[in-house]
Amino acid sequence: MRKTAMVAIATPGFARPLHPFHAILLAFPLPLFLGALLSDLAFGANYHQQWANFASWLIAGGLVMGGFALAWAVVELFLLPRPQRRWQGFYIMALLVMWGLGFVNALVHAKDAWATMPEGLWLSIATVLLALLASWMGYSRFERGDVR
């Protein structure tokens, strides 16, 4: 009877996927901030004050859910192996900048509805782009050499 040895070989591949709860948390900021942008566009088109109120509430929701996603990502940073921490750090920075810009956007939208334009619109555009970047980084979870 011949004995065979089993050897484990580490091959480069995809990093650990997102935890399902983290994926749910990350799914909220982009559509909420996008809804705020669309509300800002609607307010700019017809100046009905309710659109500015909608944008304020959508931004608040995006901040809450984005804050939870950011907190989860920071905790996960300490659980990842060292090679994956660099990518996680970039992901956390994208979430942090998205959250910070969203907070400034919320402060701008806290003013009178007439005073939110055009700063609120530009901040909403930038926040949506950062939320898109953070979502892409969170859901892709690959390292530089892993794309084939």
Protein backbone atom coordinates (compact mmCIF):
# COMPACT_ATOMS: atom_id res chain seq x y z
CA MET A 1 0.00 0.00 0.00
CA ARG A 2 1.49 3.27 -1.10
CA LYS A 3 1.16 6.38 1.07
CA THR A 4 0.59 9.72 -0.57
CA ALA A 5 1.19 13.07 0.99
CA MET A 6 -1.20 15.94 0.69
CA VAL A 7 0.28 19.37 0.11
CA ALA A 8 -1.53 22.67 0.41
CA ILE A 9 -0.55 25.20 -2.22
CA ALA A 10 -1.53 28.81 -1.92
CA THR A 11 -2.53 30.27 -5.24
CA PRO A 12 -3.44 33.87 -5.79
CA GLY A 13 -7.15 34.30 -6.02
CA PHE A 14 -9.97 36.43 -4.89
CA ALA A 15 -9.87 37.81 -1.42
CA ARG A 16 -12.42 36.94 1.16
CA PRO A 17 -15.83 38.03 -0.11
CA LEU A 18 -17.93 40.50 1.81
CA HIS A 19 -19.88 39.23 4.76
CA PRO A 20 -23.56 39.14 3.72
CA PHE A 21 -24.55 41.71 6.36
CA HIS A 22 -21.76 44.04 5.24
CA ALA A 23 -22.98 43.64 1.66
CA ILE A 24 -26.49 44.64 2.76
CA LEU A 25 -25.15 47.70 4.58
CA LEU A 26 -23.05 48.69 1.56
CA ALA A 27 -26.07 48.37 -0.74
CA PHE A 28 -27.84 51.38 0.82
CA PRO A 29 -25.58 54.46 0.46
CA LEU A 30 -25.41 54.53 -3.34
CA PRO A 31 -29.18 54.48 -4.04
CA LEU A 32 -29.91 56.86 -1.16
CA PHE A 33 -27.31 59.40 -2.28
CA LEU A 34 -28.45 58.92 -5.89
CA GLY A 35 -32.03 59.63 -4.82
CA ALA A 36 -30.79 62.81 -3.13
CA LEU A 37 -29.07 63.84 -6.35
CA LEU A 38 -32.24 63.23 -8.35
CA SER A 39 -34.21 65.22 -5.77
CA ASP A 40 -31.72 68.08 -6.11
CA LEU A 41 -32.15 67.96 -9.89
CA ALA A 42 -35.93 68.04 -9.48
CA PHE A 43 -35.65 70.98 -7.06
CA GLY A 44 -33.44 72.82 -9.53
CA ALA A 45 -36.01 72.26 -12.26
CA ASN A 46 -39.16 73.45 -10.46
CA TYR A 47 -38.13 74.91 -7.07
CA HIS A 48 -40.73 73.01 -5.05
CA GLN A 49 -39.40 73.00 -1.52
CA GLN A 50 -40.47 69.41 -0.87
CA TRP A 51 -37.73 68.16 -3.22
CA ALA A 52 -35.12 69.76 -0.96
CA ASN A 53 -36.76 68.02 2.02
CA PHE A 54 -36.61 64.70 0.19
CA ALA A 55 -32.94 65.24 -0.55
CA SER A 56 -32.22 66.02 3.11
CA TRP A 57 -33.88 62.84 4.31
CA LEU A 58 -32.19 60.69 1.66
CA ILE A 59 -28.80 62.14 2.58
CA ALA A 60 -29.47 61.39 6.25
CA GLY A 61 -30.33 57.79 5.39
CA GLY A 62 -27.21 57.46 3.27
CA LEU A 63 -25.11 58.78 6.14
CA VAL A 64 -26.59 56.35 8.65
CA MET A 65 -26.15 53.29 6.46
CA GLY A 66 -22.78 54.47 5.16
CA GLY A 67 -21.64 54.96 8.75
CA PHE A 68 -22.60 51.38 9.61
CA ALA A 69 -20.78 50.09 6.50
CA LEU A 70 -17.73 52.16 7.46
CA ALA A 71 -17.75 50.81 11.01
CA TRP A 72 -18.00 47.24 9.71
CA ALA A 73 -15.11 47.83 7.31
CA VAL A 74 -12.90 49.22 10.09
CA VAL A 75 -13.59 46.20 12.30
CA GLU A 76 -12.95 43.87 9.36
CA LEU A 77 -9.59 45.59 8.73
CA PHE A 78 -8.19 44.01 11.87
CA LEU A 79 -9.50 40.55 10.94
CA LEU A 80 -7.96 40.40 7.47
CA PRO A 81 -4.52 38.96 6.75
CA ARG A 82 -1.78 41.51 6.17
CA PRO A 83 -1.67 41.33 2.32
CA GLN A 84 -5.36 42.26 2.05
CA ARG A 85 -5.20 45.15 4.53
CA ARG A 86 -3.84 47.58 1.97
CA TRP A 87 -6.86 47.20 -0.32
CA GLN A 88 -9.13 47.35 2.72
CA GLY A 89 -7.44 50.60 3.73
CA PHE A 90 -8.23 52.16 0.34
CA TYR A 91 -11.80 50.91 0.66
CA ILE A 92 -12.11 52.47 4.13
CA MET A 93 -10.70 55.75 2.84
CA ALA A 94 -13.29 55.80 0.03
CA LEU A 95 -16.07 55.17 2.55
CA LEU A 96 -14.69 57.79 4.92
CA VAL A 97 -14.41 60.48 2.22
CA MET A 98 -17.90 59.55 0.97
CA TRP A 99 -19.29 59.87 4.49
CA GLY A 100 -17.47 63.16 5.16
CA LEU A 101 -18.64 64.72 1.91
CA GLY A 102 -22.14 63.43 2.59
CA PHE A 103 -22.03 65.09 6.01
CA VAL A 104 -21.02 68.41 4.47
CA ASN A 105 -23.83 67.90 1.96
CA ALA A 106 -26.27 67.36 4.84
CA LEU A 107 -25.12 70.61 6.42
CA VAL A 108 -25.65 72.46 3.15
CA HIS A 109 -29.12 70.93 2.80
CA ALA A 110 -29.96 72.00 6.37
CA LYS A 111 -30.07 75.59 5.16
CA ASP A 112 -33.13 77.16 3.62
CA ALA A 113 -34.16 75.30 0.47
CA TRP A 114 -33.37 78.29 -1.75
CA ALA A 115 -29.84 78.50 -0.31
CA THR A 116 -28.89 74.90 -1.14
CA MET A 117 -28.32 75.50 -4.83
CA PRO A 118 -25.88 75.09 -6.54
CA GLU A 119 -23.57 73.81 -3.74
CA GLY A 120 -25.99 71.05 -2.76
CA LEU A 121 -26.19 69.79 -6.32
CA TRP A 122 -22.40 69.68 -6.76
CA LEU A 123 -21.92 67.99 -3.39
CA SER A 124 -24.60 65.44 -4.28
CA ILE A 125 -22.83 64.64 -7.55
CA ALA A 126 -19.50 64.17 -5.76
CA THR A 127 -21.10 62.05 -3.03
CA VAL A 128 -22.78 59.78 -5.58
CA LEU A 129 -19.48 59.28 -7.41
CA LEU A 130 -17.70 58.44 -4.16
CA ALA A 131 -20.51 56.05 -3.16
CA LEU A 132 -20.16 54.38 -6.56
CA LEU A 133 -16.40 54.05 -6.04
CA ALA A 134 -16.83 52.67 -2.51
CA SER A 135 -19.46 50.18 -3.68
CA TRP A 136 -17.25 49.01 -6.53
CA MET A 137 -14.29 48.61 -4.20
CA GLY A 138 -16.35 46.78 -1.59
CA TYR A 139 -18.05 44.37 -3.94
CA SER A 140 -15.09 43.64 -6.23
CA ARG A 141 -12.59 42.62 -3.53
CA PHE A 142 -9.72 41.75 -5.80
CA GLU A 143 -6.05 42.45 -5.64
CA ARG A 144 -3.94 43.77 -8.47
CA GLY A 145 -2.64 40.40 -9.69
CA ASP A 146 -5.94 38.58 -9.45
CA VAL A 147 -7.62 39.83 -12.59
CA ARG A 148 -7.20 37.44 -15.48
